Amino acid sequence: MITTPLVDGVVDVHAHWLPRALFGLPPGAPYGAMHDRGGQLYLGDLPLSIATEAMSDSGATLADMDRAGVGVRVLSAPPFAFPLVPGPGATTYADDFNAALGDVVARAGGRLLGMGVVTLGDSAEVTRQLGALADIEGIAGVAIPPLVGSGSLDSDPLRHVLAEAARLNLAVLVHPMQLARPEWSDYYLTNLIGNPVESTTAVATLLLSGLIDELPGLRICFVHGGGCAPGLVGRWAHAWSARTDVSARAARRPTESFRDLYFDTVTHGSAQLAMLAELAGTDKILCGSDYPFDMAEAEPARFATEHGPGPDSLRRSAETFLGLAAHPPAARAAS
């Protein structure tokens, strides 16, 4: 929960952090443990091209925020730290991460906020963990993957997470996991194509399943500009009109319900961001960075304010997404 106004400045809703004590990752993590080699971070044997302290040291995070002109940064776990395989080990990992995240947020003087994780399995455990997150000051919501097994947001366990998050007034951040496929083994295509496709699948299932209308209180953001979804939502709308199997569960045309979703600005192009803002509405665009990964936007505040809706709109959207009523500048300055 967030009970105090945000400090001034651009709000970056998409950045990553993981304490070194949790580099071992939860049971069943697909790529092996994270570890440090000479100050550089590795995932198994894969170099991540990230300084280890950038992922694990909140001081490095704050220094980057100062460099980039970011006022507030919302931290979430890197996607390979999502507890995908339920069990006691995963439960302990999620609880330990959420506790550590609450501690680092509490020490940051309002400049850092957090999105926790949940164990993606037993519904009762999900409800317990989300309830605990709702009680931690500075934790705005939960970060989840777009896919678990063969299912997406319209099936459990992810559907249950969305329903409980809406009930508890928690925001949801959806981050792709870079799942491997043999045809994407070269040229970093697992990231360049795989990540956008994962997010696009989740957006489509949320809209076409009708779940977005079943959960009117849901505040949900898809990072990396929603993947391919902005370029495909018109195709979905055509199919909604042409095919009963597409429209059977969705009462609204996808181009209409698309405007209920939030998206970040990590689009890697001003034209792509302009299209996203036109389709989603300027009030649904949030500044994002993807710090500290190699696909991060190095100047998130500059890119978002120069090519996005503008600083005031970005600020209002962030406050709404994070569950805060807008505060006038005088009130923020006095806080």
C-alpha atoms as a PDB file:
ATOM      1  CA  MET A   1       0.000   0.000   0.000  1.00  0.00           C
ATOM      2  CA  ILE A   2       1.060   3.590  -0.551  1.00  0.00           C
ATOM      3  CA  THR A   3      -0.351   6.043   1.973  1.00  0.00           C
ATOM      4  CA  THR A   4       1.785   9.146   1.296  1.00  0.00           C
ATOM      5  CA  PRO A   5       2.084  11.331  -1.810  1.00  0.00           C
ATOM      6  CA  LEU A   6       4.846  10.542  -4.264  1.00  0.00           C
ATOM      7  CA  VAL A   7       7.976  12.661  -4.172  1.00  0.00           C
ATOM      8  CA  ASP A   8       8.373  14.997  -7.126  1.00  0.00           C
ATOM      9  CA  GLY A   9       9.690  13.908 -10.518  1.00  0.00           C
ATOM     10  CA  VAL A  10       9.028  11.397 -13.250  1.00  0.00           C
ATOM     11  CA  VAL A  11       7.795   8.006 -11.993  1.00  0.00           C
ATOM     12  CA  ASP A  12       9.481   4.994 -13.610  1.00  0.00           C
ATOM     13  CA  VAL A  13       7.151   2.014 -13.077  1.00  0.00           C
ATOM     14  CA  HIS A  14       9.379  -0.627 -14.706  1.00  0.00           C
ATOM     15  CA  ALA A  15      12.752  -1.361 -13.114  1.00  0.00           C
ATOM     16  CA  HIS A  16      14.304  -4.449 -11.547  1.00  0.00           C
ATOM     17  CA  TRP A  17      16.019  -5.322  -8.300  1.00  0.00           C
ATOM     18  CA  LEU A  18      17.020  -8.555  -6.544  1.00  0.00           C
ATOM     19  CA  PRO A  19      19.089  -8.891  -3.359  1.00  0.00           C
ATOM     20  CA  ARG A  20      22.189 -11.062  -3.608  1.00  0.00           C
ATOM     21  CA  ALA A  21      20.799 -13.394  -0.959  1.00  0.00           C
ATOM     22  CA  LEU A  22      18.137 -14.439  -3.488  1.00  0.00           C
ATOM     23  CA  PHE A  23      20.386 -14.862  -6.549  1.00  0.00           C
ATOM     24  CA  GLY A  24      19.815 -18.644  -6.242  1.00  0.00           C
ATOM     25  CA  LEU A  25      16.306 -18.043  -7.679  1.00  0.00           C
ATOM     26  CA  PRO A  26      13.192 -20.084  -6.807  1.00  0.00           C
ATOM     27  CA  PRO A  27      12.901 -23.824  -7.443  1.00  0.00           C
ATOM     28  CA  GLY A  28      12.277 -24.594 -11.110  1.00  0.00           C
ATOM     29  CA  ALA A  29      13.800 -21.365 -12.453  1.00  0.00           C
ATOM     30  CA  PRO A  30      14.340 -22.081 -16.157  1.00  0.00           C
ATOM     31  CA  TYR A  31      17.871 -20.738 -16.631  1.00  0.00           C
ATOM     32  CA  GLY A  32      19.768 -21.667 -13.470  1.00  0.00           C
ATOM     33  CA  ALA A  33      20.935 -19.423 -10.640  1.00  0.00           C
ATOM     34  CA  MET A  34      22.262 -15.878 -10.937  1.00  0.00           C
ATOM     35  CA  HIS A  35      25.797 -15.220  -9.781  1.00  0.00           C
ATOM     36  CA  ASP A  36      28.575 -12.665  -9.851  1.00  0.00           C
ATOM     37  CA  ARG A  37      31.770 -13.018 -11.903  1.00  0.00           C
ATOM     38  CA  GLY A  38      34.184 -10.175 -11.380  1.00  0.00           C
ATOM     39  CA  GLY A  39      31.441  -7.640 -10.814  1.00  0.00           C
ATOM     40  CA  GLN A  40      29.314  -8.801 -13.761  1.00  0.00           C
ATOM     41  CA  LEU A  41      26.025 -10.641 -13.448  1.00  0.00           C
ATOM     42  CA  TYR A  42      25.457 -14.062 -14.991  1.00  0.00           C
ATOM     43  CA  LEU A  43      22.333 -16.192 -15.315  1.00  0.00           C
ATOM     44  CA  GLY A  44      23.715 -19.709 -15.275  1.00  0.00           C
ATOM     45  CA  ASP A  45      26.482 -19.465 -17.874  1.00  0.00           C
ATOM     46  CA  LEU A  46      24.795 -16.603 -19.727  1.00  0.00           C
ATOM     47  CA  PRO A  47      26.366 -13.156 -19.260  1.00  0.00           C
ATOM     48  CA  LEU A  48      23.667 -10.540 -18.718  1.00  0.00           C
ATOM     49  CA  SER A  49      25.852  -7.512 -19.566  1.00  0.00           C
ATOM     50  CA  ILE A  50      24.831  -5.990 -16.239  1.00  0.00           C
ATOM     51  CA  ALA A  51      27.032  -4.875 -13.373  1.00  0.00           C
ATOM     52  CA  THR A  52      26.034  -6.996 -10.391  1.00  0.00           C
ATOM     53  CA  GLU A  53      25.534  -3.968  -8.161  1.00  0.00           C
ATOM     54  CA  ALA A  54      23.073  -2.474 -10.656  1.00  0.00           C
ATOM     55  CA  MET A  55      20.682  -5.344  -9.933  1.00  0.00           C
ATOM     56  CA  SER A  56      21.309  -5.774  -6.228  1.00  0.00           C
ATOM     57  CA  ASP A  57      22.426  -2.435  -4.749  1.00  0.00           C
ATOM     58  CA  SER A  58      19.730   0.155  -4.106  1.00  0.00           C
ATOM     59  CA  GLY A  59      22.425   2.821  -3.907  1.00  0.00           C
ATOM     60  CA  ALA A  60      23.357   2.104  -7.525  1.00  0.00           C
ATOM     61  CA  THR A  61      19.680   2.289  -8.447  1.00  0.00           C
ATOM     62  CA  LEU A  62      19.287   5.683  -6.799  1.00  0.00           C
ATOM     63  CA  ALA A  63      22.468   6.970  -8.458  1.00  0.00           C
ATOM     64  CA  ASP A  64      21.095   5.940 -11.856  1.00  0.00           C
ATOM     65  CA  MET A  65      17.832   7.720 -11.068  1.00  0.00           C
ATOM     66  CA  ASP A  66      19.746  10.913 -10.305  1.00  0.00           C
ATOM     67  CA  ARG A  67      21.666  10.593 -13.563  1.00  0.00           C
ATOM     68  CA  ALA A  68      18.520   9.947 -15.596  1.00  0.00           C
ATOM     69  CA  GLY A  69      16.266  12.518 -13.931  1.00  0.00           C
ATOM     70  CA  VAL A  70      13.886   9.955 -12.429  1.00  0.00           C
ATOM     71  CA  GLY A  71      12.123  11.021  -9.252  1.00  0.00           C
ATOM     72  CA  VAL A  72      10.520   7.725  -8.209  1.00  0.00           C
ATOM     73  CA  ARG A  73      11.312   4.198  -9.379  1.00  0.00           C
ATOM     74  CA  VAL A  74       9.081   1.162  -8.877  1.00  0.00           C
ATOM     75  CA  LEU A  75      11.173  -1.978  -8.369  1.00  0.00           C
ATOM     76  CA  SER A  76      10.117  -5.503  -9.309  1.00  0.00           C
ATOM     77  CA  ALA A  77      11.914  -8.820  -9.497  1.00  0.00           C
ATOM     78  CA  PRO A  78      13.661  -9.787 -12.724  1.00  0.00           C
ATOM     79  CA  PRO A  79      11.314 -12.122 -14.586  1.00  0.00           C
ATOM     80  CA  PHE A  80      13.446 -15.229 -14.121  1.00  0.00           C
ATOM     81  CA  ALA A  81      12.851 -14.804 -10.355  1.00  0.00           C
ATOM     82  CA  PHE A  82       9.090 -15.374 -10.630  1.00  0.00           C
ATOM     83  CA  PRO A  83       8.170 -18.438  -8.495  1.00  0.00           C
ATOM     84  CA  LEU A  84       6.578 -20.534 -11.235  1.00  0.00           C
ATOM     85  CA  VAL A  85       6.705 -23.975  -9.618  1.00  0.00           C
ATOM     86  CA  PRO A  86       4.551 -24.095  -6.461  1.00  0.00           C
ATOM     87  CA  GLY A  87       5.835 -25.665  -3.274  1.00  0.00           C
ATOM     88  CA  PRO A  88       7.410 -24.751   0.059  1.00  0.00           C
ATOM     89  CA  GLY A  89      10.621 -23.522  -1.559  1.00  0.00           C
ATOM     90  CA  ALA A  90       8.763 -21.177  -3.870  1.00  0.00           C
ATOM     91  CA  THR A  91       6.607 -19.877  -1.025  1.00  0.00           C
ATOM     92  CA  THR A  92       9.655 -19.129   1.101  1.00  0.00           C
ATOM     93  CA  TYR A  93      11.362 -17.422  -1.832  1.00  0.00           C
ATOM     94  CA  ALA A  94       8.364 -15.174  -2.539  1.00  0.00           C
ATOM     95  CA  ASP A  95       7.982 -14.246   1.127  1.00  0.00           C
ATOM     96  CA  ASP A  96      11.706 -13.490   1.457  1.00  0.00           C
ATOM     97  CA  PHE A  97      11.702 -11.314  -1.660  1.00  0.00           C
ATOM     98  CA  ASN A  98       8.641  -9.359  -0.551  1.00  0.00           C
ATOM     99  CA  ALA A  99      10.109  -8.752   2.891  1.00  0.00           C
ATOM    100  CA  ALA A 100      13.449  -7.616   1.424  1.00  0.00           C
ATOM    101  CA  LEU A 101      11.655  -5.368  -1.077  1.00  0.00           C
ATOM    102  CA  GLY A 102       9.648  -3.772   1.719  1.00  0.00           C
ATOM    103  CA  ASP A 103      12.861  -3.077   3.633  1.00  0.00           C
ATOM    104  CA  VAL A 104      14.695  -1.457   0.708  1.00  0.00           C
ATOM    105  CA  VAL A 105      11.650   0.679  -0.126  1.00  0.00           C
ATOM    106  CA  ALA A 106      11.315   1.802   3.504  1.00  0.00           C
ATOM    107  CA  ARG A 107      14.929   3.042   3.546  1.00  0.00           C
ATOM    108  CA  ALA A 108      14.665   5.061   0.323  1.00  0.00           C
ATOM    109  CA  GLY A 109      12.838   8.141   1.561  1.00  0.00           C
ATOM    110  CA  GLY A 110       9.927   7.714  -0.837  1.00  0.00           C
ATOM    111  CA  ARG A 111      12.076   7.472  -3.984  1.00  0.00           C
ATOM    112  CA  LEU A 112      11.618   3.712  -4.351  1.00  0.00           C
ATOM    113  CA  LEU A 113       8.363   1.762  -4.433  1.00  0.00           C
ATOM    114  CA  GLY A 114       7.809  -1.930  -5.096  1.00  0.00           C
ATOM    115  CA  MET A 115       5.865  -4.638  -6.901  1.00  0.00           C
ATOM    116  CA  GLY A 116       6.009  -7.926  -5.011  1.00  0.00           C
ATOM    117  CA  VAL A 117       5.780 -11.512  -6.262  1.00  0.00           C
ATOM    118  CA  VAL A 118       3.491 -14.429  -5.455  1.00  0.00           C
ATOM    119  CA  THR A 119       3.848 -18.177  -5.715  1.00  0.00           C
ATOM    120  CA  LEU A 120       2.022 -19.121  -8.903  1.00  0.00           C
ATOM    121  CA  GLY A 121       0.150 -22.182  -7.770  1.00  0.00           C
ATOM    122  CA  ASP A 122      -2.215 -22.732  -4.853  1.00  0.00           C
ATOM    123  CA  SER A 123      -5.015 -20.149  -4.822  1.00  0.00           C
ATOM    124  CA  ALA A 124      -5.145 -19.882  -1.038  1.00  0.00           C
ATOM    125  CA  GLU A 125      -1.413 -19.177  -0.950  1.00  0.00           C
ATOM    126  CA  VAL A 126      -1.782 -16.503  -3.634  1.00  0.00           C
ATOM    127  CA  THR A 127      -4.528 -14.841  -1.590  1.00  0.00           C
ATOM    128  CA  ARG A 128      -2.379 -14.930   1.565  1.00  0.00           C
ATOM    129  CA  GLN A 129       0.659 -13.450  -0.164  1.00  0.00           C
ATOM    130  CA  LEU A 130      -1.325 -10.705  -1.879  1.00  0.00           C
ATOM    131  CA  GLY A 131      -2.964  -9.812   1.416  1.00  0.00           C
ATOM    132  CA  ALA A 132       0.465  -9.509   2.994  1.00  0.00           C
ATOM    133  CA  LEU A 133       1.664  -7.297   0.116  1.00  0.00           C
ATOM    134  CA  ALA A 134      -1.328  -5.014   0.580  1.00  0.00           C
ATOM    135  CA  ASP A 135      -0.177  -4.367   4.159  1.00  0.00           C
ATOM    136  CA  ILE A 136       3.429  -3.397   3.305  1.00  0.00           C
ATOM    137  CA  GLU A 137       3.957   0.358   3.076  1.00  0.00           C
ATOM    138  CA  GLY A 138       5.440   1.328  -0.275  1.00  0.00           C
ATOM    139  CA  ILE A 139       4.366  -1.833  -2.102  1.00  0.00           C
ATOM    140  CA  ALA A 140       1.957  -0.853  -4.860  1.00  0.00           C
ATOM    141  CA  GLY A 141       1.084  -4.260  -6.245  1.00  0.00           C
ATOM    142  CA  VAL A 142       2.393  -7.444  -7.782  1.00  0.00           C
ATOM    143  CA  ALA A 143       4.489  -8.350 -10.827  1.00  0.00           C
ATOM    144  CA  ILE A 144       3.539 -11.466 -12.792  1.00  0.00           C
ATOM    145  CA  PRO A 145       4.515 -13.225 -16.011  1.00  0.00           C
ATOM    146  CA  PRO A 146       2.142 -13.201 -19.005  1.00  0.00           C
ATOM    147  CA  LEU A 147       2.130 -17.004 -19.265  1.00  0.00           C
ATOM    148  CA  VAL A 148       2.285 -19.935 -16.855  1.00  0.00           C
ATOM    149  CA  GLY A 149       2.528 -23.336 -18.468  1.00  0.00           C
ATOM    150  CA  SER A 150       0.045 -23.452 -21.339  1.00  0.00           C
ATOM    151  CA  GLY A 151      -2.213 -20.747 -19.897  1.00  0.00           C
ATOM    152  CA  SER A 152      -2.320 -16.961 -19.789  1.00  0.00           C
ATOM    153  CA  LEU A 153      -4.287 -14.338 -17.847  1.00  0.00           C
ATOM    154  CA  ASP A 154      -7.670 -15.932 -18.510  1.00  0.00           C
ATOM    155  CA  SER A 155      -6.812 -19.145 -16.646  1.00  0.00           C
ATOM    156  CA  ASP A 156      -5.540 -19.956 -13.164  1.00  0.00           C
ATOM    157  CA  PRO A 157      -3.209 -19.294 -11.492  1.00  0.00           C
ATOM    158  CA  LEU A 158      -2.901 -15.911 -13.236  1.00  0.00           C
ATOM    159  CA  ARG A 159      -6.652 -15.300 -13.388  1.00  0.00           C
ATOM    160  CA  HIS A 160      -6.878 -15.730  -9.618  1.00  0.00           C
ATOM    161  CA  VAL A 161      -4.012 -13.285  -9.123  1.00  0.00           C
ATOM    162  CA  LEU A 162      -5.835 -10.645 -11.173  1.00  0.00           C
ATOM    163  CA  ALA A 163      -9.122 -11.155  -9.333  1.00  0.00           C
ATOM    164  CA  GLU A 164      -7.496 -10.906  -5.914  1.00  0.00           C
ATOM    165  CA  ALA A 165      -5.350  -7.928  -6.895  1.00  0.00           C
ATOM    166  CA  ALA A 166      -8.463  -6.062  -8.034  1.00  0.00           C
ATOM    167  CA  ARG A 167     -10.230  -6.936  -4.769  1.00  0.00           C
ATOM    168  CA  LEU A 168      -7.279  -5.741  -2.682  1.00  0.00           C
ATOM    169  CA  ASN A 169      -6.677  -2.545  -4.701  1.00  0.00           C
ATOM    170  CA  LEU A 170      -3.245  -3.728  -5.854  1.00  0.00           C
ATOM    171  CA  ALA A 171      -1.770  -2.764  -9.213  1.00  0.00           C
ATOM    172  CA  VAL A 172      -0.516  -5.525 -11.538  1.00  0.00           C
ATOM    173  CA  LEU A 173       2.619  -5.299 -13.694  1.00  0.00           C
ATOM    174  CA  VAL A 174       2.926  -7.936 -16.439  1.00  0.00           C
ATOM    175  CA  HIS A 175       6.488  -8.718 -17.530  1.00  0.00           C
ATOM    176  CA  PRO A 176       7.501 -11.296 -20.168  1.00  0.00           C
ATOM    177  CA  MET A 177       9.916 -14.085 -19.238  1.00  0.00           C
ATOM    178  CA  GLN A 178      11.940 -14.576 -22.443  1.00  0.00           C
ATOM    179  CA  LEU A 179      10.938 -18.225 -22.799  1.00  0.00           C
ATOM    180  CA  ALA A 180      13.094 -20.160 -25.243  1.00  0.00           C
ATOM    181  CA  ARG A 181      11.930 -21.638 -28.552  1.00  0.00           C
ATOM    182  CA  PRO A 182      14.261 -23.360 -31.027  1.00  0.00           C
ATOM    183  CA  GLU A 183      13.451 -21.021 -33.916  1.00  0.00           C
ATOM    184  CA  TRP A 184      14.552 -18.070 -31.773  1.00  0.00           C
ATOM    185  CA  SER A 185      17.941 -19.488 -30.746  1.00  0.00           C
ATOM    186  CA  ASP A 186      19.996 -16.958 -32.763  1.00  0.00           C
ATOM    187  CA  TYR A 187      20.266 -13.174 -32.889  1.00  0.00           C
ATOM    188  CA  TYR A 188      18.732 -12.652 -29.436  1.00  0.00           C
ATOM    189  CA  LEU A 189      15.338 -13.435 -30.980  1.00  0.00           C
ATOM    190  CA  THR A 190      14.170 -15.013 -27.731  1.00  0.00           C
ATOM    191  CA  ASN A 191      14.113 -11.470 -26.418  1.00  0.00           C
ATOM    192  CA  LEU A 192      13.505  -9.448 -29.576  1.00  0.00           C
ATOM    193  CA  ILE A 193      10.524 -11.538 -30.729  1.00  0.00           C
ATOM    194  CA  GLY A 194       9.744 -13.805 -27.791  1.00  0.00           C
ATOM    195  CA  ASN A 195       9.190 -11.125 -25.166  1.00  0.00           C
ATOM    196  CA  PRO A 196       6.776  -9.059 -27.295  1.00  0.00           C
ATOM    197  CA  VAL A 197       4.849 -12.190 -28.323  1.00  0.00           C
ATOM    198  CA  GLU A 198       4.419 -13.284 -24.692  1.00  0.00           C
ATOM    199  CA  SER A 199       3.008  -9.876 -23.727  1.00  0.00           C
ATOM    200  CA  THR A 200       0.773  -9.780 -26.801  1.00  0.00           C
ATOM    201  CA  THR A 201      -0.708 -13.163 -25.921  1.00  0.00           C
ATOM    202  CA  ALA A 202      -1.589 -11.885 -22.451  1.00  0.00           C
ATOM    203  CA  VAL A 203      -3.190  -8.681 -23.751  1.00  0.00           C
ATOM    204  CA  ALA A 204      -5.285 -10.620 -26.269  1.00  0.00           C
ATOM    205  CA  THR A 205      -6.518 -13.155 -23.720  1.00  0.00           C
ATOM    206  CA  LEU A 206      -7.396 -10.435 -21.211  1.00  0.00           C
ATOM    207  CA  LEU A 207      -9.493  -8.566 -23.775  1.00  0.00           C
ATOM    208  CA  LEU A 208     -11.058 -11.434 -25.731  1.00  0.00           C
ATOM    209  CA  SER A 209     -11.893 -13.515 -22.651  1.00  0.00           C
ATOM    210  CA  GLY A 210     -13.996 -10.657 -21.274  1.00  0.00           C
ATOM    211  CA  LEU A 211     -11.974 -10.753 -18.053  1.00  0.00           C
ATOM    212  CA  ILE A 212     -11.181  -7.046 -18.325  1.00  0.00           C
ATOM    213  CA  ASP A 213     -14.928  -6.356 -17.956  1.00  0.00           C
ATOM    214  CA  GLU A 214     -15.372  -8.886 -15.153  1.00  0.00           C
ATOM    215  CA  LEU A 215     -12.735  -7.006 -13.108  1.00  0.00           C
ATOM    216  CA  PRO A 216     -13.592  -3.312 -13.518  1.00  0.00           C
ATOM    217  CA  GLY A 217     -11.309  -2.324 -10.648  1.00  0.00           C
ATOM    218  CA  LEU A 218      -8.239  -3.957 -12.182  1.00  0.00           C
ATOM    219  CA  ARG A 219      -5.259  -1.670 -12.794  1.00  0.00           C
ATOM    220  CA  ILE A 220      -2.871  -3.563 -15.050  1.00  0.00           C
ATOM    221  CA  CYS A 221       0.219  -2.455 -16.962  1.00  0.00           C
ATOM    222  CA  PHE A 222       1.979  -4.279 -19.789  1.00  0.00           C
ATOM    223  CA  VAL A 223       5.642  -3.327 -20.066  1.00  0.00           C
ATOM    224  CA  HIS A 224       7.706  -2.837 -23.221  1.00  0.00           C
ATOM    225  CA  GLY A 225       4.763  -0.958 -24.684  1.00  0.00           C
ATOM    226  CA  GLY A 226       2.548  -4.052 -24.682  1.00  0.00           C
ATOM    227  CA  GLY A 227       4.739  -5.955 -27.134  1.00  0.00           C
ATOM    228  CA  CYS A 228       3.052  -6.395 -30.519  1.00  0.00           C
ATOM    229  CA  ALA A 229      -0.443  -5.675 -29.186  1.00  0.00           C
ATOM    230  CA  PRO A 230      -0.724  -2.070 -30.445  1.00  0.00           C
ATOM    231  CA  GLY A 231      -0.010  -3.259 -33.968  1.00  0.00           C
ATOM    232  CA  LEU A 232      -2.491  -6.133 -33.766  1.00  0.00           C
ATOM    233  CA  VAL A 233      -5.474  -4.749 -31.857  1.00  0.00           C
ATOM    234  CA  GLY A 234      -7.113  -3.612 -35.120  1.00  0.00           C
ATOM    235  CA  ARG A 235      -6.828  -7.168 -36.432  1.00  0.00           C
ATOM    236  CA  TRP A 236      -8.440  -8.464 -33.263  1.00  0.00           C
ATOM    237  CA  ALA A 237     -11.274  -5.940 -33.659  1.00  0.00           C
ATOM    238  CA  HIS A 238     -11.914  -7.126 -37.217  1.00  0.00           C
ATOM    239  CA  ALA A 239     -12.044 -10.753 -36.036  1.00  0.00           C
ATOM    240  CA  TRP A 240     -14.361  -9.742 -33.167  1.00  0.00           C
ATOM    241  CA  SER A 241     -16.828  -8.484 -35.782  1.00  0.00           C
ATOM    242  CA  ALA A 242     -16.309 -11.365 -38.211  1.00  0.00           C
ATOM    243  CA  ARG A 243     -16.143 -14.470 -35.989  1.00  0.00           C
ATOM    244  CA  THR A 244     -18.417 -15.588 -33.178  1.00  0.00           C
ATOM    245  CA  ASP A 245     -15.643 -17.621 -31.543  1.00  0.00           C
ATOM    246  CA  VAL A 246     -13.677 -14.379 -31.081  1.00  0.00           C
ATOM    247  CA  SER A 247     -16.592 -12.280 -29.783  1.00  0.00           C
ATOM    248  CA  ALA A 248     -18.340 -14.977 -27.720  1.00  0.00           C
ATOM    249  CA  ARG A 249     -16.894 -13.860 -24.375  1.00  0.00           C
ATOM    250  CA  ALA A 250     -15.938 -10.247 -25.025  1.00  0.00           C
ATOM    251  CA  ALA A 251     -18.801  -7.759 -24.864  1.00  0.00           C
ATOM    252  CA  ARG A 252     -16.702  -4.912 -26.237  1.00  0.00           C
ATOM    253  CA  ARG A 253     -14.630  -4.448 -29.349  1.00  0.00           C
ATOM    254  CA  PRO A 254     -10.926  -4.926 -28.459  1.00  0.00           C
ATOM    255  CA  THR A 255     -10.044  -1.418 -29.671  1.00  0.00           C
ATOM    256  CA  GLU A 256     -12.411  -0.125 -26.970  1.00  0.00           C
ATOM    257  CA  SER A 257     -11.338  -2.360 -24.079  1.00  0.00           C
ATOM    258  CA  PHE A 258      -7.666  -1.768 -25.015  1.00  0.00           C
ATOM    259  CA  ARG A 259      -8.119   1.701 -23.540  1.00  0.00           C
ATOM    260  CA  ASP A 260      -8.640   0.201 -20.064  1.00  0.00           C
ATOM    261  CA  LEU A 261      -5.020  -1.037 -19.966  1.00  0.00           C
ATOM    262  CA  TYR A 262      -1.817   0.735 -18.963  1.00  0.00           C
ATOM    263  CA  PHE A 263       1.428   0.510 -20.948  1.00  0.00           C
ATOM    264  CA  ASP A 264       4.949   1.731 -20.320  1.00  0.00           C
ATOM    265  CA  THR A 265       7.077   3.829 -22.655  1.00  0.00           C
ATOM    266  CA  VAL A 266       9.807   1.252 -23.406  1.00  0.00           C
ATOM    267  CA  THR A 267       8.953   1.117 -27.107  1.00  0.00           C
ATOM    268  CA  HIS A 268      12.424   1.969 -28.508  1.00  0.00           C
ATOM    269  CA  GLY A 269      10.929   4.440 -30.957  1.00  0.00           C
ATOM    270  CA  SER A 270       8.967   7.678 -30.904  1.00  0.00           C
ATOM    271  CA  ALA A 271       6.616   6.567 -33.691  1.00  0.00           C
ATOM    272  CA  GLN A 272       5.768   3.391 -31.795  1.00  0.00           C
ATOM    273  CA  LEU A 273       5.079   5.371 -28.617  1.00  0.00           C
ATOM    274  CA  ALA A 274       2.873   7.828 -30.516  1.00  0.00           C
ATOM    275  CA  MET A 275       0.807   4.951 -31.931  1.00  0.00           C
ATOM    276  CA  LEU A 276       0.474   3.396 -28.480  1.00  0.00           C
ATOM    277  CA  ALA A 277      -0.698   6.680 -26.954  1.00  0.00           C
ATOM    278  CA  GLU A 278      -3.272   7.109 -29.735  1.00  0.00           C
ATOM    279  CA  LEU A 279      -4.670   3.601 -29.229  1.00  0.00           C
ATOM    280  CA  ALA A 280      -4.555   3.398 -25.421  1.00  0.00           C
ATOM    281  CA  GLY A 281      -5.109   7.047 -24.575  1.00  0.00           C
ATOM    282  CA  THR A 282      -2.548   9.409 -23.107  1.00  0.00           C
ATOM    283  CA  ASP A 283      -3.911   8.772 -19.611  1.00  0.00           C
ATOM    284  CA  LYS A 284      -2.791   5.129 -19.834  1.00  0.00           C
ATOM    285  CA  ILE A 285       0.878   5.750 -20.660  1.00  0.00           C
ATOM    286  CA  LEU A 286       3.443   5.281 -17.876  1.00  0.00           C
ATOM    287  CA  CYS A 287       7.163   6.013 -17.919  1.00  0.00           C
ATOM    288  CA  GLY A 288       9.292   2.863 -17.863  1.00  0.00           C
ATOM    289  CA  SER A 289      13.001   2.082 -18.106  1.00  0.00           C
ATOM    290  CA  ASP A 290      13.622  -1.695 -17.718  1.00  0.00           C
ATOM    291  CA  TYR A 291      16.676  -0.768 -15.634  1.00  0.00           C
ATOM    292  CA  PRO A 292      19.260  -2.354 -15.475  1.00  0.00           C
ATOM    293  CA  PHE A 293      18.822  -4.738 -18.448  1.00  0.00           C
ATOM    294  CA  ASP A 294      20.478  -4.420 -21.848  1.00  0.00           C
ATOM    295  CA  MET A 295      17.137  -3.565 -23.496  1.00  0.00           C
ATOM    296  CA  ALA A 296      16.537  -0.705 -21.076  1.00  0.00           C
ATOM    297  CA  GLU A 297      15.751   2.837 -22.158  1.00  0.00           C
ATOM    298  CA  ALA A 298      18.879   4.675 -20.969  1.00  0.00           C
ATOM    299  CA  GLU A 299      17.123   8.053 -20.691  1.00  0.00           C
ATOM    300  CA  PRO A 300      13.618   7.054 -19.588  1.00  0.00           C
ATOM    301  CA  ALA A 301      12.493  10.435 -18.270  1.00  0.00           C
ATOM    302  CA  ARG A 302      13.724  12.328 -21.328  1.00  0.00           C
ATOM    303  CA  PHE A 303      12.242   9.829 -23.796  1.00  0.00           C
ATOM    304  CA  ALA A 304       8.889   9.658 -22.006  1.00  0.00           C
ATOM    305  CA  THR A 305       8.476  13.405 -21.590  1.00  0.00           C
ATOM    306  CA  GLU A 306       9.712  14.372 -25.069  1.00  0.00           C
ATOM    307  CA  HIS A 307       7.822  11.723 -27.034  1.00  0.00           C
ATOM    308  CA  GLY A 308       5.032  10.718 -24.642  1.00  0.00           C
ATOM    309  CA  PRO A 309       2.050  12.582 -23.213  1.00  0.00           C
ATOM    310  CA  GLY A 310       4.177  15.052 -21.210  1.00  0.00           C
ATOM    311  CA  PRO A 311       5.339  15.178 -17.576  1.00  0.00           C
ATOM    312  CA  ASP A 312       2.037  16.192 -15.968  1.00  0.00           C
ATOM    313  CA  SER A 313       0.065  13.470 -17.752  1.00  0.00           C
ATOM    314  CA  LEU A 314       2.725  10.864 -16.980  1.00  0.00           C
ATOM    315  CA  ARG A 315       2.589  11.870 -13.330  1.00  0.00           C
ATOM    316  CA  ARG A 316      -1.206  11.666 -13.108  1.00  0.00           C
ATOM    317  CA  SER A 317      -1.234   8.288 -14.851  1.00  0.00           C
ATOM    318  CA  ALA A 318       1.377   6.911 -12.461  1.00  0.00           C
ATOM    319  CA  GLU A 319      -0.564   8.110  -9.418  1.00  0.00           C
ATOM    320  CA  THR A 320      -3.743   6.488 -10.701  1.00  0.00           C
ATOM    321  CA  PHE A 321      -2.026   3.218 -11.635  1.00  0.00           C
ATOM    322  CA  LEU A 322      -0.278   3.014  -8.264  1.00  0.00           C
ATOM    323  CA  GLY A 323      -3.543   3.601  -6.418  1.00  0.00           C
ATOM    324  CA  LEU A 324      -3.073   7.221  -5.361  1.00  0.00           C
ATOM    325  CA  ALA A 325      -5.416  10.108  -5.909  1.00  0.00           C
ATOM    326  CA  ALA A 326      -3.681  12.958  -7.704  1.00  0.00           C
ATOM    327  CA  HIS A 327      -2.056  15.443  -5.328  1.00  0.00           C
ATOM    328  CA  PRO A 328      -1.552  19.111  -6.208  1.00  0.00           C
ATOM    329  CA  PRO A 329       2.115  20.206  -6.544  1.00  0.00           C
ATOM    330  CA  ALA A 330       1.955  22.214  -3.316  1.00  0.00           C
ATOM    331  CA  ALA A 331       0.845  19.181  -1.341  1.00  0.00           C
ATOM    332  CA  ARG A 332       3.606  17.065  -2.865  1.00  0.00           C
ATOM    333  CA  ALA A 333       6.243  19.675  -2.117  1.00  0.00           C
ATOM    334  CA  ALA A 334       5.129  19.917   1.516  1.00  0.00           C
ATOM    335  CA  SER A 335       5.192  16.166   2.054  1.00  0.00           C
END
